[in-house]
Amino acid sequence: MNGLGIFTGLDLRNQTLDFMSANFGKTGAYYYWISRAVDERPVRANRIRKSVGAENTGRVVLRHHEWNHAAAGRAKRRSRAPATK
């Protein structure tokens, strides 16, 4: 793709379907449509899960309003702190 001047998704989206098909064959049409956020493949909701993600953000679980209150306090303290170079 770089040899054709295509470096980003925007470069890809600026190409015509004819250009993409001529240079990439059948895959060119896929690239053309996927760069425009068009994907007609059916959703397969019943597939076997390949991985499970989990996030541990700390020992204490804060409710949303508690987190906002704590973040607001930190921001207020930082705004009062003397500027450093």
PDB file of N, CA and C in Angstrom:
ATOM      1  N   MET A   1       0.824  -1.194   0.000  1.00  0.00           N
ATOM      2  CA  MET A   1       0.000   0.000   0.000  1.00  0.00           C
ATOM      3  C   MET A   1       0.865   1.254   0.000  1.00  0.00           C
ATOM      4  N   ASN A   2       1.946   1.230   0.761  1.00  0.00           N
ATOM      5  CA  ASN A   2       2.796   2.419   0.812  1.00  0.00           C
ATOM      6  C   ASN A   2       3.306   2.796  -0.573  1.00  0.00           C
ATOM      7  N   GLY A   3       3.601   1.803  -1.397  1.00  0.00           N
ATOM      8  CA  GLY A   3       4.076   2.061  -2.745  1.00  0.00           C
ATOM      9  C   GLY A   3       3.041   2.768  -3.613  1.00  0.00           C
ATOM     10  N   LEU A   4       1.773   2.662  -3.220  1.00  0.00           N
ATOM     11  CA  LEU A   4       0.686   3.323  -3.946  1.00  0.00           C
ATOM     12  C   LEU A   4       0.292   4.648  -3.293  1.00  0.00           C
ATOM     13  N   GLY A   5       1.028   5.057  -2.269  1.00  0.00           N
ATOM     14  CA  GLY A   5       0.734   6.316  -1.590  1.00  0.00           C
ATOM     15  C   GLY A   5      -0.346   6.194  -0.534  1.00  0.00           C
ATOM     16  N   ILE A   6      -0.614   4.988  -0.076  1.00  0.00           N
ATOM     17  CA  ILE A   6      -1.636   4.760   0.952  1.00  0.00           C
ATOM     18  C   ILE A   6      -0.912   4.479   2.263  1.00  0.00           C
ATOM     19  N   PHE A   7      -1.008   5.433   3.186  1.00  0.00           N
ATOM     20  CA  PHE A   7      -0.314   5.311   4.475  1.00  0.00           C
ATOM     21  C   PHE A   7      -1.286   5.285   5.656  1.00  0.00           C
ATOM     22  N   THR A   8      -2.465   5.865   5.490  1.00  0.00           N
ATOM     23  CA  THR A   8      -3.424   5.968   6.587  1.00  0.00           C
ATOM     24  C   THR A   8      -4.792   5.481   6.135  1.00  0.00           C
ATOM     25  N   GLY A   9      -5.689   5.351   7.089  1.00  0.00           N
ATOM     26  CA  GLY A   9      -7.070   4.993   6.770  1.00  0.00           C
ATOM     27  C   GLY A   9      -7.726   6.038   5.880  1.00  0.00           C
ATOM     28  N   LEU A  10      -7.390   7.299   6.085  1.00  0.00           N
ATOM     29  CA  LEU A  10      -7.943   8.360   5.250  1.00  0.00           C
ATOM     30  C   LEU A  10      -7.462   8.219   3.806  1.00  0.00           C
ATOM     31  N   ASP A  11      -6.187   7.889   3.623  1.00  0.00           N
ATOM     32  CA  ASP A  11      -5.665   7.649   2.277  1.00  0.00           C
ATOM     33  C   ASP A  11      -6.423   6.505   1.616  1.00  0.00           C
ATOM     34  N   LEU A  12      -6.704   5.481   2.379  1.00  0.00           N
ATOM     35  CA  LEU A  12      -7.441   4.329   1.869  1.00  0.00           C
ATOM     36  C   LEU A  12      -8.854   4.734   1.468  1.00  0.00           C
ATOM     37  N   ARG A  13      -9.498   5.521   2.321  1.00  0.00           N
ATOM     38  CA  ARG A  13     -10.869   5.952   2.047  1.00  0.00           C
ATOM     39  C   ARG A  13     -10.959   6.867   0.837  1.00  0.00           C
ATOM     40  N   ASN A  14      -9.893   7.581   0.510  1.00  0.00           N
ATOM     41  CA  ASN A  14      -9.911   8.497  -0.633  1.00  0.00           C
ATOM     42  C   ASN A  14      -9.774   7.794  -1.980  1.00  0.00           C
ATOM     43  N   GLN A  15      -9.526   6.483  -1.989  1.00  0.00           N
ATOM     44  CA  GLN A  15      -9.379   5.751  -3.247  1.00  0.00           C
ATOM     45  C   GLN A  15     -10.739   5.302  -3.769  1.00  0.00           C
ATOM     46  N   THR A  16     -10.826   5.099  -5.085  1.00  0.00           N
ATOM     47  CA  THR A  16     -12.072   4.620  -5.683  1.00  0.00           C
ATOM     48  C   THR A  16     -12.133   3.100  -5.592  1.00  0.00           C
ATOM     49  N   LEU A  17     -13.329   2.568  -5.739  1.00  0.00           N
ATOM     50  CA  LEU A  17     -13.508   1.120  -5.724  1.00  0.00           C
ATOM     51  C   LEU A  17     -12.764   0.493  -6.902  1.00  0.00           C
ATOM     52  N   ASP A  18     -12.802   1.138  -8.059  1.00  0.00           N
ATOM     53  CA  ASP A  18     -12.085   0.619  -9.228  1.00  0.00           C
ATOM     54  C   ASP A  18     -10.581   0.556  -8.961  1.00  0.00           C
ATOM     55  N   PHE A  19     -10.021   1.602  -8.375  1.00  0.00           N
ATOM     56  CA  PHE A  19      -8.593   1.622  -8.052  1.00  0.00           C
ATOM     57  C   PHE A  19      -8.241   0.492  -7.098  1.00  0.00           C
ATOM     58  N   MET A  20      -9.038   0.331  -6.051  1.00  0.00           N
ATOM     59  CA  MET A  20      -8.762  -0.691  -5.053  1.00  0.00           C
ATOM     60  C   MET A  20      -8.872  -2.093  -5.658  1.00  0.00           C
ATOM     61  N   SER A  21      -9.877  -2.325  -6.466  1.00  0.00           N
ATOM     62  CA  SER A  21     -10.050  -3.636  -7.097  1.00  0.00           C
ATOM     63  C   SER A  21      -8.932  -3.927  -8.084  1.00  0.00           C
ATOM     64  N   ALA A  22      -8.508  -2.912  -8.835  1.00  0.00           N
ATOM     65  CA  ALA A  22      -7.432  -3.103  -9.821  1.00  0.00           C
ATOM     66  C   ALA A  22      -6.110  -3.434  -9.138  1.00  0.00           C
ATOM     67  N   ASN A  23      -5.855  -2.863  -7.979  1.00  0.00           N
ATOM     68  CA  ASN A  23      -4.576  -3.056  -7.311  1.00  0.00           C
ATOM     69  C   ASN A  23      -4.561  -4.184  -6.285  1.00  0.00           C
ATOM     70  N   PHE A  24      -5.729  -4.537  -5.740  1.00  0.00           N
ATOM     71  CA  PHE A  24      -5.762  -5.544  -4.682  1.00  0.00           C
ATOM     72  C   PHE A  24      -6.710  -6.700  -4.972  1.00  0.00           C
ATOM     73  N   GLY A  25      -7.322  -6.685  -6.146  1.00  0.00           N
ATOM     74  CA  GLY A  25      -8.237  -7.774  -6.498  1.00  0.00           C
ATOM     75  C   GLY A  25      -9.464  -7.801  -5.609  1.00  0.00           C
ATOM     76  N   LYS A  26      -9.892  -9.021  -5.252  1.00  0.00           N
ATOM     77  CA  LYS A  26     -11.097  -9.195  -4.433  1.00  0.00           C
ATOM     78  C   LYS A  26     -10.967  -8.503  -3.075  1.00  0.00           C
ATOM     79  N   THR A  27      -9.778  -8.509  -2.501  1.00  0.00           N
ATOM     80  CA  THR A  27      -9.548  -7.881  -1.206  1.00  0.00           C
ATOM     81  C   THR A  27      -9.704  -6.365  -1.289  1.00  0.00           C
ATOM     82  N   GLY A  28      -9.483  -5.794  -2.473  1.00  0.00           N
ATOM     83  CA  GLY A  28      -9.621  -4.353  -2.648  1.00  0.00           C
ATOM     84  C   GLY A  28     -11.013  -3.855  -2.308  1.00  0.00           C
ATOM     85  N   ALA A  29     -12.032  -4.623  -2.691  1.00  0.00           N
ATOM     86  CA  ALA A  29     -13.409  -4.238  -2.366  1.00  0.00           C
ATOM     87  C   ALA A  29     -13.628  -4.262  -0.859  1.00  0.00           C
ATOM     88  N   TYR A  30     -13.052  -5.259  -0.188  1.00  0.00           N
ATOM     89  CA  TYR A  30     -13.168  -5.330   1.273  1.00  0.00           C
ATOM     90  C   TYR A  30     -12.527  -4.101   1.906  1.00  0.00           C
ATOM     91  N   TYR A  31     -11.302  -3.751   1.486  1.00  0.00           N
ATOM     92  CA  TYR A  31     -10.622  -2.573   2.019  1.00  0.00           C
ATOM     93  C   TYR A  31     -11.423  -1.299   1.745  1.00  0.00           C
ATOM     94  N   TYR A  32     -11.968  -1.214   0.547  1.00  0.00           N
ATOM     95  CA  TYR A  32     -12.750  -0.032   0.156  1.00  0.00           C
ATOM     96  C   TYR A  32     -13.926   0.170   1.118  1.00  0.00           C
ATOM     97  N   TRP A  33     -14.694  -0.889   1.333  1.00  0.00           N
ATOM     98  CA  TRP A  33     -15.890  -0.757   2.168  1.00  0.00           C
ATOM     99  C   TRP A  33     -15.564  -0.656   3.654  1.00  0.00           C
ATOM    100  N   ILE A  34     -14.557  -1.382   4.118  1.00  0.00           N
ATOM    101  CA  ILE A  34     -14.236  -1.339   5.547  1.00  0.00           C
ATOM    102  C   ILE A  34     -13.679   0.029   5.931  1.00  0.00           C
ATOM    103  N   SER A  35     -13.003   0.709   4.995  1.00  0.00           N
ATOM    104  CA  SER A  35     -12.490   2.053   5.287  1.00  0.00           C
ATOM    105  C   SER A  35     -13.622   3.069   5.388  1.00  0.00           C
ATOM    106  N   ARG A  36     -14.805   2.673   4.963  1.00  0.00           N
ATOM    107  CA  ARG A  36     -16.001   3.522   5.066  1.00  0.00           C
ATOM    108  C   ARG A  36     -16.939   3.028   6.165  1.00  0.00           C
ATOM    109  N   ALA A  37     -16.445   2.139   6.996  1.00  0.00           N
ATOM    110  CA  ALA A  37     -17.184   1.569   8.135  1.00  0.00           C
ATOM    111  C   ALA A  37     -18.411   0.786   7.685  1.00  0.00           C
ATOM    112  N   VAL A  38     -18.324   0.144   6.527  1.00  0.00           N
ATOM    113  CA  VAL A  38     -19.400  -0.704   6.032  1.00  0.00           C
ATOM    114  C   VAL A  38     -18.919  -2.147   6.109  1.00  0.00           C
ATOM    115  N   ASP A  39     -19.592  -2.939   6.924  1.00  0.00           N
ATOM    116  CA  ASP A  39     -19.229  -4.337   7.080  1.00  0.00           C
ATOM    117  C   ASP A  39     -20.522  -5.144   7.120  1.00  0.00           C
ATOM    118  N   GLU A  40     -20.800  -5.827   6.039  1.00  0.00           N
ATOM    119  CA  GLU A  40     -22.056  -6.563   5.912  1.00  0.00           C
ATOM    120  C   GLU A  40     -21.971  -8.000   6.422  1.00  0.00           C
ATOM    121  N   ARG A  41     -20.840  -8.372   6.993  1.00  0.00           N
ATOM    122  CA  ARG A  41     -20.733  -9.734   7.515  1.00  0.00           C
ATOM    123  C   ARG A  41     -21.711  -9.928   8.660  1.00  0.00           C
ATOM    124  N   PRO A  42     -22.347 -11.097   8.738  1.00  0.00           N
ATOM    125  CA  PRO A  42     -23.303 -11.327   9.829  1.00  0.00           C
ATOM    126  C   PRO A  42     -22.595 -11.407  11.179  1.00  0.00           C
ATOM    127  N   VAL A  43     -23.280 -10.951  12.198  1.00  0.00           N
ATOM    128  CA  VAL A  43     -22.757 -11.032  13.563  1.00  0.00           C
ATOM    129  C   VAL A  43     -22.958 -12.454  14.061  1.00  0.00           C
ATOM    130  N   ARG A  44     -21.900 -13.037  14.602  1.00  0.00           N
ATOM    131  CA  ARG A  44     -21.977 -14.394  15.144  1.00  0.00           C
ATOM    132  C   ARG A  44     -21.906 -14.299  16.663  1.00  0.00           C
ATOM    133  N   ALA A  45     -23.052 -14.192  17.287  1.00  0.00           N
ATOM    134  CA  ALA A  45     -23.118 -13.961  18.729  1.00  0.00           C
ATOM    135  C   ALA A  45     -22.865 -15.218  19.548  1.00  0.00           C
ATOM    136  N   ASN A  46     -22.978 -16.381  18.962  1.00  0.00           N
ATOM    137  CA  ASN A  46     -22.861 -17.626  19.720  1.00  0.00           C
ATOM    138  C   ASN A  46     -21.513 -18.301  19.542  1.00  0.00           C
ATOM    139  N   ARG A  47     -20.495 -17.550  19.201  1.00  0.00           N
ATOM    140  CA  ARG A  47     -19.163 -18.116  19.039  1.00  0.00           C
ATOM    141  C   ARG A  47     -18.556 -18.457  20.392  1.00  0.00           C
ATOM    142  N   ILE A  48     -17.619 -19.379  20.369  1.00  0.00           N
ATOM    143  CA  ILE A  48     -16.900 -19.723  21.593  1.00  0.00           C
ATOM    144  C   ILE A  48     -15.951 -18.580  21.922  1.00  0.00           C
ATOM    145  N   ARG A  49     -15.994 -18.127  23.153  1.00  0.00           N
ATOM    146  CA  ARG A  49     -15.168 -17.016  23.593  1.00  0.00           C
ATOM    147  C   ARG A  49     -13.702 -17.430  23.600  1.00  0.00           C
ATOM    148  N   LYS A  50     -12.843 -16.597  23.003  1.00  0.00           N
ATOM    149  CA  LYS A  50     -11.419 -16.908  22.938  1.00  0.00           C
ATOM    150  C   LYS A  50     -10.655 -16.339  24.131  1.00  0.00           C
ATOM    151  N   SER A  51     -11.145 -15.263  24.717  1.00  0.00           N
ATOM    152  CA  SER A  51     -10.469 -14.686  25.877  1.00  0.00           C
ATOM    153  C   SER A  51     -11.483 -13.923  26.711  1.00  0.00           C
ATOM    154  N   VAL A  52     -11.125 -13.698  27.946  1.00  0.00           N
ATOM    155  CA  VAL A  52     -11.963 -12.942  28.867  1.00  0.00           C
ATOM    156  C   VAL A  52     -11.099 -11.849  29.466  1.00  0.00           C
ATOM    157  N   GLY A  53     -11.577 -10.627  29.407  1.00  0.00           N
ATOM    158  CA  GLY A  53     -10.820  -9.517  29.979  1.00  0.00           C
ATOM    159  C   GLY A  53     -11.353  -9.150  31.352  1.00  0.00           C
ATOM    160  N   ALA A  54     -10.467  -8.742  32.203  1.00  0.00           N
ATOM    161  CA  ALA A  54     -10.844  -8.281  33.530  1.00  0.00           C
ATOM    162  C   ALA A  54      -9.867  -7.197  33.939  1.00  0.00           C
ATOM    163  N   GLU A  55     -10.345  -6.254  34.713  1.00  0.00           N
ATOM    164  CA  GLU A  55      -9.494  -5.154  35.139  1.00  0.00           C
ATOM    165  C   GLU A  55      -9.581  -5.008  36.646  1.00  0.00           C
ATOM    166  N   ASN A  56      -8.434  -4.900  37.291  1.00  0.00           N
ATOM    167  CA  ASN A  56      -8.369  -4.672  38.716  1.00  0.00           C
ATOM    168  C   ASN A  56      -7.784  -3.278  38.903  1.00  0.00           C
ATOM    169  N   THR A  57      -8.632  -2.344  39.327  1.00  0.00           N
ATOM    170  CA  THR A  57      -8.187  -0.952  39.409  1.00  0.00           C
ATOM    171  C   THR A  57      -7.705  -0.555  40.791  1.00  0.00           C
ATOM    172  N   GLY A  58      -7.722  -1.445  41.729  1.00  0.00           N
ATOM    173  CA  GLY A  58      -7.243  -1.119  43.073  1.00  0.00           C
ATOM    174  C   GLY A  58      -7.923  -1.979  44.107  1.00  0.00           C
ATOM    175  N   ARG A  59      -7.480  -1.825  45.332  1.00  0.00           N
ATOM    176  CA  ARG A  59      -8.048  -2.635  46.418  1.00  0.00           C
ATOM    177  C   ARG A  59      -9.423  -2.166  46.828  1.00  0.00           C
ATOM    178  N   VAL A  60      -9.657  -0.861  46.751  1.00  0.00           N
ATOM    179  CA  VAL A  60     -10.918  -0.306  47.208  1.00  0.00           C
ATOM    180  C   VAL A  60     -11.806  -0.027  45.998  1.00  0.00           C
ATOM    181  N   VAL A  61     -13.019  -0.514  46.038  1.00  0.00           N
ATOM    182  CA  VAL A  61     -13.968  -0.257  44.965  1.00  0.00           C
ATOM    183  C   VAL A  61     -14.789   0.965  45.360  1.00  0.00           C
ATOM    184  N   LEU A  62     -14.717   2.006  44.564  1.00  0.00           N
ATOM    185  CA  LEU A  62     -15.458   3.225  44.850  1.00  0.00           C
ATOM    186  C   LEU A  62     -16.700   3.289  43.968  1.00  0.00           C
ATOM    187  N   ARG A  63     -17.764   3.763  44.540  1.00  0.00           N
ATOM    188  CA  ARG A  63     -18.949   4.022  43.727  1.00  0.00           C
ATOM    189  C   ARG A  63     -18.677   5.265  42.905  1.00  0.00           C
ATOM    190  N   HIS A  64     -19.414   5.431  41.820  1.00  0.00           N
ATOM    191  CA  HIS A  64     -19.180   6.513  40.862  1.00  0.00           C
ATOM    192  C   HIS A  64     -19.134   7.883  41.544  1.00  0.00           C
ATOM    193  N   HIS A  65     -20.092   8.188  42.417  1.00  0.00           N
ATOM    194  CA  HIS A  65     -20.112   9.505  43.051  1.00  0.00           C
ATOM    195  C   HIS A  65     -18.930   9.693  44.008  1.00  0.00           C
ATOM    196  N   GLU A  66     -18.481   8.610  44.637  1.00  0.00           N
ATOM    197  CA  GLU A  66     -17.311   8.713  45.519  1.00  0.00           C
ATOM    198  C   GLU A  66     -16.054   9.009  44.709  1.00  0.00           C
ATOM    199  N   TRP A  67     -15.928   8.367  43.552  1.00  0.00           N
ATOM    200  CA  TRP A  67     -14.760   8.601  42.697  1.00  0.00           C
ATOM    201  C   TRP A  67     -14.765  10.049  42.211  1.00  0.00           C
ATOM    202  N   ASN A  68     -15.907  10.561  41.776  1.00  0.00           N
ATOM    203  CA  ASN A  68     -15.994  11.949  41.311  1.00  0.00           C
ATOM    204  C   ASN A  68     -15.622  12.921  42.417  1.00  0.00           C
ATOM    205  N   HIS A  69     -16.069  12.653  43.639  1.00  0.00           N
ATOM    206  CA  HIS A  69     -15.761  13.529  44.767  1.00  0.00           C
ATOM    207  C   HIS A  69     -14.258  13.523  45.047  1.00  0.00           C
ATOM    208  N   ALA A  70     -13.655  12.335  45.027  1.00  0.00           N
ATOM    209  CA  ALA A  70     -12.211  12.231  45.275  1.00  0.00           C
ATOM    210  C   ALA A  70     -11.422  12.928  44.170  1.00  0.00           C
ATOM    211  N   ALA A  71     -11.829  12.767  42.926  1.00  0.00           N
ATOM    212  CA  ALA A  71     -11.126  13.398  41.804  1.00  0.00           C
ATOM    213  C   ALA A  71     -11.258  14.919  41.882  1.00  0.00           C
ATOM    214  N   ALA A  72     -12.404  15.412  42.282  1.00  0.00           N
ATOM    215  CA  ALA A  72     -12.599  16.853  42.405  1.00  0.00           C
ATOM    216  C   ALA A  72     -11.694  17.425  43.497  1.00  0.00           C
ATOM    217  N   GLY A  73     -11.544  16.693  44.595  1.00  0.00           N
ATOM    218  CA  GLY A  73     -10.655  17.140  45.673  1.00  0.00           C
ATOM    219  C   GLY A  73      -9.207  17.207  45.215  1.00  0.00           C
ATOM    220  N   ARG A  74      -8.760  16.213  44.455  1.00  0.00           N
ATOM    221  CA  ARG A  74      -7.381  16.218  43.948  1.00  0.00           C
ATOM    222  C   ARG A  74      -7.171  17.396  42.996  1.00  0.00           C
ATOM    223  N   ALA A  75      -8.123  17.650  42.137  1.00  0.00           N
ATOM    224  CA  ALA A  75      -7.998  18.761  41.185  1.00  0.00           C
ATOM    225  C   ALA A  75      -7.955  20.095  41.916  1.00  0.00           C
ATOM    226  N   LYS A  76      -8.753  20.224  42.968  1.00  0.00           N
ATOM    227  CA  LYS A  76      -8.770  21.472  43.736  1.00  0.00           C
ATOM    228  C   LYS A  76      -7.427  21.699  44.424  1.00  0.00           C
ATOM    229  N   ARG A  77      -6.861  20.629  45.004  1.00  0.00           N
ATOM    230  CA  ARG A  77      -5.553  20.756  45.657  1.00  0.00           C
ATOM    231  C   ARG A  77      -4.471  21.116  44.643  1.00  0.00           C
ATOM    232  N   ARG A  78      -4.516  20.525  43.463  1.00  0.00           N
ATOM    233  CA  ARG A  78      -3.503  20.842  42.440  1.00  0.00           C
ATOM    234  C   ARG A  78      -3.617  22.291  41.989  1.00  0.00           C
ATOM    235  N   SER A  79      -4.830  22.818  41.930  1.00  0.00           N
ATOM    236  CA  SER A  79      -4.994  24.205  41.464  1.00  0.00           C
ATOM    237  C   SER A  79      -4.452  25.212  42.477  1.00  0.00           C
ATOM    238  N   ARG A  80      -4.377  24.816  43.746  1.00  0.00           N
ATOM    239  CA  ARG A  80      -3.847  25.698  44.787  1.00  0.00           C
ATOM    240  C   ARG A  80      -2.331  25.573  44.932  1.00  0.00           C
ATOM    241  N   ALA A  81      -1.760  24.504  44.418  1.00  0.00           N
ATOM    242  CA  ALA A  81      -0.322  24.261  44.578  1.00  0.00           C
ATOM    243  C   ALA A  81       0.462  25.289  43.783  1.00  0.00           C
ATOM    244  N   PRO A  82       1.629  25.708  44.307  1.00  0.00           N
ATOM    245  CA  PRO A  82       2.445  26.673  43.565  1.00  0.00           C
ATOM    246  C   PRO A  82       2.977  26.047  42.267  1.00  0.00           C
ATOM    247  N   ALA A  83       3.065  26.871  41.240  1.00  0.00           N
ATOM    248  CA  ALA A  83       3.533  26.392  39.943  1.00  0.00           C
ATOM    249  C   ALA A  83       5.005  26.015  40.022  1.00  0.00           C
ATOM    250  N   THR A  84       5.364  24.937  39.365  1.00  0.00           N
ATOM    251  CA  THR A  84       6.770  24.522  39.305  1.00  0.00           C
ATOM    252  C   THR A  84       7.237  24.556  37.860  1.00  0.00           C
ATOM    253  N   LYS A  85       8.541  24.767  37.696  1.00  0.00           N
ATOM    254  CA  LYS A  85       9.080  24.832  36.338  1.00  0.00           C
ATOM    255  C   LYS A  85       9.552  23.481  35.890  1.00  0.00           C
TER     256      LYS A  85
END
